[in-house]
Amino acid sequence: VPPGAPDPADAEQVLAAPDLAEGVPRDGLRSGAESILIRLGFRQNLEGSHYEADASRLAALEQLRNASRQHFHARVSELRYESFATELGKAAAAGRRIRDAESGAYVETAEMAGAQRDALAEFVARFSTTVGLQPFITGLVRCLQEQQGKGADSVVAWTLDDAALVERGHEFAFEAVKLLLVHLRFLPKDLALEQRAVARTFVVDPQLSDRRIDRLVAVTPPFAKKLGKVALSGAFAVLPPEAGFSRTNVDGMLDAACPQDSLFYGVWSRCDLL
C-alpha cells in the first residue's frame, strides 16, 4: 500500500457517491472521507451541506482516473506475463530433470508412459469444451500429426505467441506449459524462458515415436483432428539439421509399455466394481 494511501472505508464513502458533479453530502461522512475530498480539490458549499468541485476540476480528476486505470491494467498485464515466464521456466526445469545432462536422452518407464496419456486426457476433458481454448488443443494435435511419419532428421517445432496462452487465463496457461514440457516432454528451443518474449518455439520430443503419437491423438476430441474445423494456434516448421535435433525413436523401440494399452486396463477402467 503506498504511503499516505487513504483508509479503504474512507475511500469507499467517496467512491459510493452517485454523482460527484452533484456534490457529496456531508451528512454521515467519516472524517477521513472528508479529508480525501479536500485533497481531491472539493470544497464545502456555502450552506456547508455538501462538498463540491467545479467542472474543470472534475474534468481533471476524470483524466487522472483514466490514466491511473490505464497504468493499473498495464501493470497487471506485465505481472501476468512475468508470472507466465516464471512458470514456463519451472516446467522446463522439471522436464530437464528426467534427461541425461549430456545426451538429452531419457529412459521411459511404464509410469511415465501412463502419466503422459492420463495428463493429455485430463487436459482435454478439462478445457476442450471451452471454445476459446480449442485453437490450442487443435494446434497441439496438428503439431503431433505433422511430426508423425517423418524421418530421423525431421523434427517439428511449434511456435506459439505467449498471448495465445496468457490471454486465455493463468490457470489454462500454466496447465498448458506443464502438459507440453513435463508430460509430453517437448523441448524449449530458446533457453531464456524466464524472460518475457512475444513468441516461443517448442520442439517435439525427439523420442516421441509414431506409435505413441497415434495413441495420444486418439484421446483428443474429434474437432481437433479435422482440418479446417477449428482455427489453430501457432505455426509449425521442420527444423534444419544444424539445429541439432533428430528423432531417436521413430519406430517406438524405446517406448515403455503403457498401462492403458493393456487388456486388463481396458476392462478395469470400465468396471464399476474394481
C-alpha atoms as a PDB file:
ATOM      1  CA  VAL A   1       0.000   0.000   0.000  1.00  0.00           C
ATOM      2  CA  PRO A   2       1.529   3.368  -0.969  1.00  0.00           C
ATOM      3  CA  PRO A   3       2.483   5.734   1.889  1.00  0.00           C
ATOM      4  CA  GLY A   4      -0.353   8.094   2.706  1.00  0.00           C
ATOM      5  CA  ALA A   5      -2.969   5.942   0.990  1.00  0.00           C
ATOM      6  CA  PRO A   6      -6.475   6.565   2.348  1.00  0.00           C
ATOM      7  CA  ASP A   7      -8.235   4.135   4.608  1.00  0.00           C
ATOM      8  CA  PRO A   8     -10.355   1.786   2.417  1.00  0.00           C
ATOM      9  CA  ALA A   9     -13.527   2.591   4.364  1.00  0.00           C
ATOM     10  CA  ASP A  10     -12.993   6.323   3.856  1.00  0.00           C
ATOM     11  CA  ALA A  11     -12.265   5.849   0.162  1.00  0.00           C
ATOM     12  CA  GLU A  12     -15.378   3.690  -0.209  1.00  0.00           C
ATOM     13  CA  GLN A  13     -17.544   6.504   1.106  1.00  0.00           C
ATOM     14  CA  VAL A  14     -16.222   8.836  -1.567  1.00  0.00           C
ATOM     15  CA  LEU A  15     -16.483   6.264  -4.351  1.00  0.00           C
ATOM     16  CA  ALA A  16     -20.063   5.440  -3.335  1.00  0.00           C
ATOM     17  CA  ALA A  17     -21.223   8.965  -4.217  1.00  0.00           C
ATOM     18  CA  PRO A  18     -23.786   8.556  -7.051  1.00  0.00           C
ATOM     19  CA  ASP A  19     -22.651  11.632  -8.983  1.00  0.00           C
ATOM     20  CA  LEU A  20     -19.655  13.742  -7.989  1.00  0.00           C
ATOM     21  CA  ALA A  21     -20.897  16.547 -10.256  1.00  0.00           C
ATOM     22  CA  GLU A  22     -23.871  16.931  -7.914  1.00  0.00           C
ATOM     23  CA  GLY A  23     -21.585  17.162  -4.905  1.00  0.00           C
ATOM     24  CA  VAL A  24     -21.128  14.799  -1.945  1.00  0.00           C
ATOM     25  CA  PRO A  25     -23.454  15.267   1.048  1.00  0.00           C
ATOM     26  CA  ARG A  26     -21.572  15.854   4.305  1.00  0.00           C
ATOM     27  CA  ASP A  27     -24.205  14.063   6.337  1.00  0.00           C
ATOM     28  CA  GLY A  28     -22.763  10.765   7.570  1.00  0.00           C
ATOM     29  CA  LEU A  29     -19.287  11.256   6.077  1.00  0.00           C
ATOM     30  CA  ARG A  30     -16.376   9.951   8.113  1.00  0.00           C
ATOM     31  CA  SER A  31     -13.635  12.484   8.862  1.00  0.00           C
ATOM     32  CA  GLY A  32     -11.238  10.504   6.699  1.00  0.00           C
ATOM     33  CA  ALA A  33     -13.619  10.668   3.765  1.00  0.00           C
ATOM     34  CA  GLU A  34     -13.865  14.440   4.166  1.00  0.00           C
ATOM     35  CA  SER A  35     -10.069  14.598   4.141  1.00  0.00           C
ATOM     36  CA  ILE A  36      -9.985  12.705   0.839  1.00  0.00           C
ATOM     37  CA  LEU A  37     -12.479  15.083  -0.749  1.00  0.00           C
ATOM     38  CA  ILE A  38     -10.425  18.106   0.333  1.00  0.00           C
ATOM     39  CA  ARG A  39      -7.276  16.518  -1.122  1.00  0.00           C
ATOM     40  CA  LEU A  40      -9.153  15.980  -4.400  1.00  0.00           C
ATOM     41  CA  GLY A  41      -9.992  19.688  -4.585  1.00  0.00           C
ATOM     42  CA  PHE A  42     -13.580  19.637  -3.291  1.00  0.00           C
ATOM     43  CA  ARG A  43     -14.779  22.472  -1.084  1.00  0.00           C
ATOM     44  CA  GLN A  44     -17.808  22.920   1.139  1.00  0.00           C
ATOM     45  CA  ASN A  45     -20.694  24.844  -0.389  1.00  0.00           C
ATOM     46  CA  LEU A  46     -21.990  27.994   1.275  1.00  0.00           C
ATOM     47  CA  GLU A  47     -24.596  26.092   3.246  1.00  0.00           C
ATOM     48  CA  GLY A  48     -21.984  23.592   4.442  1.00  0.00           C
ATOM     49  CA  SER A  49     -24.179  20.682   3.421  1.00  0.00           C
ATOM     50  CA  HIS A  50     -22.133  19.361   0.507  1.00  0.00           C
ATOM     51  CA  TYR A  51     -18.576  19.064  -0.808  1.00  0.00           C
ATOM     52  CA  GLU A  52     -18.482  20.394  -4.374  1.00  0.00           C
ATOM     53  CA  ALA A  53     -15.972  20.924  -7.193  1.00  0.00           C
ATOM     54  CA  ASP A  54     -16.231  22.976 -10.388  1.00  0.00           C
ATOM     55  CA  ALA A  55     -16.424  21.388 -13.845  1.00  0.00           C
ATOM     56  CA  SER A  56     -12.753  21.955 -14.704  1.00  0.00           C
ATOM     57  CA  ARG A  57     -11.669  20.206 -11.511  1.00  0.00           C
ATOM     58  CA  LEU A  58     -13.965  17.257 -12.194  1.00  0.00           C
ATOM     59  CA  ALA A  59     -12.608  17.006 -15.751  1.00  0.00           C
ATOM     60  CA  ALA A  60      -9.041  16.923 -14.414  1.00  0.00           C
ATOM     61  CA  LEU A  61      -9.986  14.197 -11.929  1.00  0.00           C
ATOM     62  CA  GLU A  62     -11.603  12.192 -14.742  1.00  0.00           C
ATOM     63  CA  GLN A  63      -8.396  12.388 -16.774  1.00  0.00           C
ATOM     64  CA  LEU A  64      -6.367  11.365 -13.747  1.00  0.00           C
ATOM     65  CA  ARG A  65      -8.688   8.428 -13.098  1.00  0.00           C
ATOM     66  CA  ASN A  66      -8.411   7.212 -16.696  1.00  0.00           C
ATOM     67  CA  ALA A  67      -4.621   7.499 -16.634  1.00  0.00           C
ATOM     68  CA  SER A  68      -4.498   5.589 -13.348  1.00  0.00           C
ATOM     69  CA  ARG A  69      -6.711   2.845 -14.748  1.00  0.00           C
ATOM     70  CA  GLN A  70      -4.513   2.550 -17.826  1.00  0.00           C
ATOM     71  CA  HIS A  71      -1.397   2.298 -15.677  1.00  0.00           C
ATOM     72  CA  PHE A  72      -3.065  -0.272 -13.424  1.00  0.00           C
ATOM     73  CA  HIS A  73      -4.127  -2.540 -16.287  1.00  0.00           C
ATOM     74  CA  ALA A  74      -0.728  -2.252 -17.964  1.00  0.00           C
ATOM     75  CA  ARG A  75       0.968  -3.280 -14.721  1.00  0.00           C
ATOM     76  CA  VAL A  76      -1.432  -6.187 -14.188  1.00  0.00           C
ATOM     77  CA  SER A  77      -0.720  -7.388 -17.735  1.00  0.00           C
ATOM     78  CA  GLU A  78       3.019  -7.088 -17.115  1.00  0.00           C
ATOM     79  CA  LEU A  79       2.747  -9.152 -13.943  1.00  0.00           C
ATOM     80  CA  ARG A  80       0.686 -11.826 -15.714  1.00  0.00           C
ATOM     81  CA  TYR A  81       3.314 -12.284 -18.426  1.00  0.00           C
ATOM     82  CA  GLU A  82       6.143 -12.269 -15.878  1.00  0.00           C
ATOM     83  CA  SER A  83       4.348 -14.950 -13.879  1.00  0.00           C
ATOM     84  CA  PHE A  84       3.839 -16.999 -17.042  1.00  0.00           C
ATOM     85  CA  ALA A  85       7.532 -16.796 -17.895  1.00  0.00           C
ATOM     86  CA  THR A  86       8.415 -17.957 -14.372  1.00  0.00           C
ATOM     87  CA  GLU A  87       6.077 -20.957 -14.619  1.00  0.00           C
ATOM     88  CA  LEU A  88       7.478 -21.746 -18.046  1.00  0.00           C
ATOM     89  CA  GLY A  89      10.967 -21.855 -16.574  1.00  0.00           C
ATOM     90  CA  LYS A  90       9.837 -24.158 -13.760  1.00  0.00           C
ATOM     91  CA  ALA A  91       8.137 -26.557 -16.190  1.00  0.00           C
ATOM     92  CA  ALA A  92      11.207 -26.653 -18.428  1.00  0.00           C
ATOM     93  CA  ALA A  93      13.428 -27.393 -15.421  1.00  0.00           C
ATOM     94  CA  ALA A  94      11.136 -30.262 -14.408  1.00  0.00           C
ATOM     95  CA  GLY A  95      11.306 -31.635 -17.945  1.00  0.00           C
ATOM     96  CA  ARG A  96      15.109 -31.458 -17.968  1.00  0.00           C
ATOM     97  CA  ARG A  97      15.434 -33.474 -14.772  1.00  0.00           C
ATOM     98  CA  ILE A  98      14.478 -36.742 -16.494  1.00  0.00           C
ATOM     99  CA  ARG A  99      17.064 -36.284 -19.250  1.00  0.00           C
ATOM    100  CA  ASP A 100      20.749 -37.106 -19.339  1.00  0.00           C
ATOM    101  CA  ALA A 101      22.666 -33.860 -18.998  1.00  0.00           C
ATOM    102  CA  GLU A 102      24.939 -34.597 -21.968  1.00  0.00           C
ATOM    103  CA  SER A 103      22.843 -36.537 -24.473  1.00  0.00           C
ATOM    104  CA  GLY A 104      19.413 -35.176 -23.571  1.00  0.00           C
ATOM    105  CA  ALA A 105      18.020 -38.714 -23.761  1.00  0.00           C
ATOM    106  CA  TYR A 106      15.968 -40.439 -21.060  1.00  0.00           C
ATOM    107  CA  VAL A 107      14.751 -43.925 -20.194  1.00  0.00           C
ATOM    108  CA  GLU A 108      10.977 -44.064 -20.195  1.00  0.00           C
ATOM    109  CA  THR A 109       9.174 -46.092 -17.553  1.00  0.00           C
ATOM    110  CA  ALA A 110       5.673 -47.530 -17.681  1.00  0.00           C
ATOM    111  CA  GLU A 111       4.668 -44.974 -15.058  1.00  0.00           C
ATOM    112  CA  MET A 112       5.889 -42.108 -17.261  1.00  0.00           C
ATOM    113  CA  ALA A 113       4.062 -43.521 -20.293  1.00  0.00           C
ATOM    114  CA  GLY A 114       0.810 -43.876 -18.363  1.00  0.00           C
ATOM    115  CA  ALA A 115       1.122 -40.433 -16.787  1.00  0.00           C
ATOM    116  CA  GLN A 116       1.653 -38.895 -20.217  1.00  0.00           C
ATOM    117  CA  ARG A 117      -1.558 -40.389 -21.614  1.00  0.00           C
ATOM    118  CA  ASP A 118      -3.541 -39.501 -18.489  1.00  0.00           C
ATOM    119  CA  ALA A 119      -2.254 -35.918 -18.466  1.00  0.00           C
ATOM    120  CA  LEU A 120      -3.358 -35.306 -22.055  1.00  0.00           C
ATOM    121  CA  ALA A 121      -6.751 -36.945 -21.485  1.00  0.00           C
ATOM    122  CA  GLU A 122      -7.347 -34.887 -18.337  1.00  0.00           C
ATOM    123  CA  PHE A 123      -6.264 -31.662 -20.049  1.00  0.00           C
ATOM    124  CA  VAL A 124      -8.646 -32.302 -22.945  1.00  0.00           C
ATOM    125  CA  ALA A 125     -11.527 -33.215 -20.629  1.00  0.00           C
ATOM    126  CA  ARG A 126     -10.979 -30.053 -18.607  1.00  0.00           C
ATOM    127  CA  PHE A 127     -10.535 -27.474 -21.348  1.00  0.00           C
ATOM    128  CA  SER A 128     -11.817 -28.744 -24.704  1.00  0.00           C
ATOM    129  CA  THR A 129     -15.438 -27.667 -24.186  1.00  0.00           C
ATOM    130  CA  THR A 130     -14.410 -24.006 -23.906  1.00  0.00           C
ATOM    131  CA  VAL A 131     -14.472 -22.605 -27.438  1.00  0.00           C
ATOM    132  CA  GLY A 132     -11.718 -20.067 -26.790  1.00  0.00           C
ATOM    133  CA  LEU A 133      -9.290 -22.819 -25.738  1.00  0.00           C
ATOM    134  CA  GLN A 134      -9.914 -25.130 -28.676  1.00  0.00           C
ATOM    135  CA  PRO A 135      -7.338 -23.482 -31.011  1.00  0.00           C
ATOM    136  CA  PHE A 136      -4.517 -24.529 -28.650  1.00  0.00           C
ATOM    137  CA  ILE A 137      -5.751 -28.126 -28.492  1.00  0.00           C
ATOM    138  CA  THR A 138      -6.194 -28.209 -32.270  1.00  0.00           C
ATOM    139  CA  GLY A 139      -2.715 -26.756 -32.743  1.00  0.00           C
ATOM    140  CA  LEU A 140      -1.210 -29.373 -30.438  1.00  0.00           C
ATOM    141  CA  VAL A 141      -2.877 -32.214 -32.330  1.00  0.00           C
ATOM    142  CA  ARG A 142      -1.774 -30.766 -35.669  1.00  0.00           C
ATOM    143  CA  CYS A 143       1.776 -30.459 -34.348  1.00  0.00           C
ATOM    144  CA  LEU A 144       1.812 -34.149 -33.404  1.00  0.00           C
ATOM    145  CA  GLN A 145       0.329 -35.099 -36.771  1.00  0.00           C
ATOM    146  CA  GLU A 146       2.959 -33.023 -38.549  1.00  0.00           C
ATOM    147  CA  GLN A 147       5.667 -34.962 -36.725  1.00  0.00           C
ATOM    148  CA  GLN A 148       4.191 -38.389 -37.406  1.00  0.00           C
ATOM    149  CA  GLY A 149       5.689 -40.245 -40.353  1.00  0.00           C
ATOM    150  CA  LYS A 150       8.759 -38.053 -40.664  1.00  0.00           C
ATOM    151  CA  GLY A 151      12.261 -39.490 -40.654  1.00  0.00           C
ATOM    152  CA  ALA A 152      15.025 -39.231 -38.095  1.00  0.00           C
ATOM    153  CA  ASP A 153      16.308 -35.918 -39.455  1.00  0.00           C
ATOM    154  CA  SER A 154      12.918 -34.181 -39.438  1.00  0.00           C
ATOM    155  CA  VAL A 155      11.911 -32.818 -36.043  1.00  0.00           C
ATOM    156  CA  VAL A 156       8.905 -30.491 -35.919  1.00  0.00           C
ATOM    157  CA  ALA A 157       8.784 -27.286 -33.874  1.00  0.00           C
ATOM    158  CA  TRP A 158       5.694 -25.367 -32.792  1.00  0.00           C
ATOM    159  CA  THR A 159       5.952 -21.593 -32.391  1.00  0.00           C
ATOM    160  CA  LEU A 160       3.346 -20.017 -30.125  1.00  0.00           C
ATOM    161  CA  ASP A 161       2.708 -16.450 -29.071  1.00  0.00           C
ATOM    162  CA  ASP A 162       2.736 -16.016 -25.298  1.00  0.00           C
ATOM    163  CA  ALA A 163      -0.609 -14.254 -25.699  1.00  0.00           C
ATOM    164  CA  ALA A 164      -2.156 -17.446 -27.113  1.00  0.00           C
ATOM    165  CA  LEU A 165      -1.812 -18.897 -23.621  1.00  0.00           C
ATOM    166  CA  VAL A 166      -1.714 -15.971 -21.192  1.00  0.00           C
ATOM    167  CA  GLU A 167      -4.786 -14.193 -22.551  1.00  0.00           C
ATOM    168  CA  ARG A 168      -6.848 -17.324 -22.028  1.00  0.00           C
ATOM    169  CA  GLY A 169      -6.323 -17.299 -18.271  1.00  0.00           C
ATOM    170  CA  HIS A 170      -3.437 -18.113 -15.958  1.00  0.00           C
ATOM    171  CA  GLU A 171      -4.855 -21.493 -14.954  1.00  0.00           C
ATOM    172  CA  PHE A 172      -5.056 -22.658 -18.561  1.00  0.00           C
ATOM    173  CA  ALA A 173      -1.656 -21.162 -19.412  1.00  0.00           C
ATOM    174  CA  PHE A 174       0.106 -22.913 -16.512  1.00  0.00           C
ATOM    175  CA  GLU A 175      -1.539 -26.265 -17.238  1.00  0.00           C
ATOM    176  CA  ALA A 176      -0.713 -25.961 -20.944  1.00  0.00           C
ATOM    177  CA  VAL A 177       3.019 -25.429 -20.390  1.00  0.00           C
ATOM    178  CA  LYS A 178       3.066 -28.233 -17.818  1.00  0.00           C
ATOM    179  CA  LEU A 179       1.439 -30.546 -20.361  1.00  0.00           C
ATOM    180  CA  LEU A 180       3.888 -29.555 -23.094  1.00  0.00           C
ATOM    181  CA  LEU A 181       7.173 -29.514 -21.191  1.00  0.00           C
ATOM    182  CA  VAL A 182       6.635 -32.058 -18.416  1.00  0.00           C
ATOM    183  CA  HIS A 183       4.226 -34.703 -19.703  1.00  0.00           C
ATOM    184  CA  LEU A 184       4.651 -34.546 -23.485  1.00  0.00           C
ATOM    185  CA  ARG A 185       8.353 -33.706 -22.964  1.00  0.00           C
ATOM    186  CA  PHE A 186       8.580 -31.052 -25.650  1.00  0.00           C
ATOM    187  CA  LEU A 187      11.865 -29.160 -25.571  1.00  0.00           C
ATOM    188  CA  PRO A 188      12.083 -25.358 -25.451  1.00  0.00           C
ATOM    189  CA  LYS A 189      14.178 -24.148 -28.368  1.00  0.00           C
ATOM    190  CA  ASP A 190      15.006 -20.934 -26.520  1.00  0.00           C
ATOM    191  CA  LEU A 191      16.780 -21.272 -23.194  1.00  0.00           C
ATOM    192  CA  ALA A 192      15.949 -17.892 -21.639  1.00  0.00           C
ATOM    193  CA  LEU A 193      12.408 -18.936 -20.730  1.00  0.00           C
ATOM    194  CA  GLU A 194      12.205 -16.770 -17.623  1.00  0.00           C
ATOM    195  CA  GLN A 195      12.438 -13.659 -19.790  1.00  0.00           C
ATOM    196  CA  ARG A 196       9.320 -12.206 -21.347  1.00  0.00           C
ATOM    197  CA  ALA A 197       9.011 -12.847 -25.077  1.00  0.00           C
ATOM    198  CA  VAL A 198       6.478 -12.272 -27.827  1.00  0.00           C
ATOM    199  CA  ALA A 199       6.624 -15.880 -29.036  1.00  0.00           C
ATOM    200  CA  ARG A 200       8.369 -19.114 -28.099  1.00  0.00           C
ATOM    201  CA  THR A 201       9.269 -22.258 -30.009  1.00  0.00           C
ATOM    202  CA  PHE A 202       8.678 -25.732 -28.600  1.00  0.00           C
ATOM    203  CA  VAL A 203      10.348 -28.766 -30.189  1.00  0.00           C
ATOM    204  CA  VAL A 204       8.513 -32.094 -30.312  1.00  0.00           C
ATOM    205  CA  ASP A 205      10.215 -34.648 -28.052  1.00  0.00           C
ATOM    206  CA  PRO A 206      12.837 -36.385 -30.264  1.00  0.00           C
ATOM    207  CA  GLN A 207      11.994 -39.666 -28.500  1.00  0.00           C
ATOM    208  CA  LEU A 208       8.283 -39.448 -29.296  1.00  0.00           C
ATOM    209  CA  SER A 209       7.528 -42.383 -31.593  1.00  0.00           C
ATOM    210  CA  ASP A 210       4.967 -42.563 -34.386  1.00  0.00           C
ATOM    211  CA  ARG A 211       3.162 -45.302 -32.481  1.00  0.00           C
ATOM    212  CA  ARG A 212       2.930 -43.151 -29.357  1.00  0.00           C
ATOM    213  CA  ILE A 213       1.641 -40.211 -31.390  1.00  0.00           C
ATOM    214  CA  ASP A 214      -1.173 -42.464 -32.619  1.00  0.00           C
ATOM    215  CA  ARG A 215      -2.143 -43.281 -29.034  1.00  0.00           C
ATOM    216  CA  LEU A 216      -2.011 -39.655 -27.909  1.00  0.00           C
ATOM    217  CA  VAL A 217      -4.043 -38.288 -30.811  1.00  0.00           C
ATOM    218  CA  ALA A 218      -6.662 -40.949 -30.115  1.00  0.00           C
ATOM    219  CA  VAL A 219      -7.587 -39.350 -26.769  1.00  0.00           C
ATOM    220  CA  THR A 220      -8.138 -35.883 -28.268  1.00  0.00           C
ATOM    221  CA  PRO A 221     -11.577 -34.601 -29.356  1.00  0.00           C
ATOM    222  CA  PRO A 222     -12.843 -35.052 -32.945  1.00  0.00           C
ATOM    223  CA  PHE A 223     -12.816 -31.307 -33.722  1.00  0.00           C
ATOM    224  CA  ALA A 224      -9.038 -31.196 -33.247  1.00  0.00           C
ATOM    225  CA  LYS A 225      -8.397 -33.874 -35.867  1.00  0.00           C
ATOM    226  CA  LYS A 226     -10.416 -32.363 -38.718  1.00  0.00           C
ATOM    227  CA  LEU A 227      -8.601 -29.932 -40.971  1.00  0.00           C
ATOM    228  CA  GLY A 228     -10.303 -26.544 -41.000  1.00  0.00           C
ATOM    229  CA  LYS A 229     -12.887 -27.462 -38.356  1.00  0.00           C
ATOM    230  CA  VAL A 230     -11.381 -25.131 -35.737  1.00  0.00           C
ATOM    231  CA  ALA A 231      -8.766 -22.399 -36.093  1.00  0.00           C
ATOM    232  CA  LEU A 232      -5.448 -23.424 -34.572  1.00  0.00           C
ATOM    233  CA  SER A 233      -2.816 -21.625 -32.544  1.00  0.00           C
ATOM    234  CA  GLY A 234       0.778 -21.241 -33.638  1.00  0.00           C
ATOM    235  CA  ALA A 235       2.870 -22.204 -36.642  1.00  0.00           C
ATOM    236  CA  PHE A 236       4.839 -25.351 -37.447  1.00  0.00           C
ATOM    237  CA  ALA A 237       8.190 -25.894 -39.075  1.00  0.00           C
ATOM    238  CA  VAL A 238      10.624 -28.758 -39.610  1.00  0.00           C
ATOM    239  CA  LEU A 239      13.916 -27.800 -38.003  1.00  0.00           C
ATOM    240  CA  PRO A 240      17.042 -27.870 -40.177  1.00  0.00           C
ATOM    241  CA  PRO A 241      19.743 -30.436 -39.284  1.00  0.00           C
ATOM    242  CA  GLU A 242      22.031 -27.720 -37.958  1.00  0.00           C
ATOM    243  CA  ALA A 243      19.505 -27.057 -35.187  1.00  0.00           C
ATOM    244  CA  GLY A 244      20.860 -30.193 -33.520  1.00  0.00           C
ATOM    245  CA  PHE A 245      17.643 -32.204 -33.132  1.00  0.00           C
ATOM    246  CA  SER A 246      16.988 -35.684 -34.536  1.00  0.00           C
ATOM    247  CA  ARG A 247      14.355 -38.329 -33.896  1.00  0.00           C
ATOM    248  CA  THR A 248      15.858 -41.245 -31.972  1.00  0.00           C
ATOM    249  CA  ASN A 249      12.787 -43.433 -31.514  1.00  0.00           C
ATOM    250  CA  VAL A 250      10.718 -43.273 -34.694  1.00  0.00           C
ATOM    251  CA  ASP A 251       9.788 -46.971 -34.535  1.00  0.00           C
ATOM    252  CA  GLY A 252       8.957 -46.944 -30.811  1.00  0.00           C
ATOM    253  CA  MET A 253      11.641 -49.424 -29.745  1.00  0.00           C
ATOM    254  CA  LEU A 254      12.464 -47.211 -26.736  1.00  0.00           C
ATOM    255  CA  ASP A 255       8.830 -46.870 -25.656  1.00  0.00           C
ATOM    256  CA  ALA A 256       7.897 -48.316 -22.289  1.00  0.00           C
ATOM    257  CA  ALA A 257       4.758 -50.417 -22.150  1.00  0.00           C
ATOM    258  CA  CYS A 258       1.879 -48.050 -21.476  1.00  0.00           C
ATOM    259  CA  PRO A 259      -0.570 -49.442 -18.879  1.00  0.00           C
ATOM    260  CA  GLN A 260      -3.538 -48.030 -20.796  1.00  0.00           C
ATOM    261  CA  ASP A 261      -2.712 -50.278 -23.745  1.00  0.00           C
ATOM    262  CA  SER A 262      -3.157 -53.498 -21.741  1.00  0.00           C
ATOM    263  CA  LEU A 263      -6.337 -55.581 -21.968  1.00  0.00           C
ATOM    264  CA  PHE A 264      -6.619 -55.628 -18.165  1.00  0.00           C
ATOM    265  CA  TYR A 265      -6.539 -51.833 -18.007  1.00  0.00           C
ATOM    266  CA  GLY A 266      -9.300 -51.615 -20.601  1.00  0.00           C
ATOM    267  CA  VAL A 267     -11.532 -53.942 -18.555  1.00  0.00           C
ATOM    268  CA  TRP A 268     -10.607 -52.340 -15.209  1.00  0.00           C
ATOM    269  CA  SER A 269     -11.337 -48.785 -16.417  1.00  0.00           C
ATOM    270  CA  ARG A 270     -14.866 -49.772 -17.459  1.00  0.00           C
ATOM    271  CA  CYS A 271     -15.785 -51.838 -14.434  1.00  0.00           C
ATOM    272  CA  ASP A 272     -17.572 -50.071 -11.586  1.00  0.00           C
ATOM    273  CA  LEU A 273     -16.768 -52.891  -9.159  1.00  0.00           C
ATOM    274  CA  LEU A 274     -12.965 -52.633  -9.459  1.00  0.00           C
END
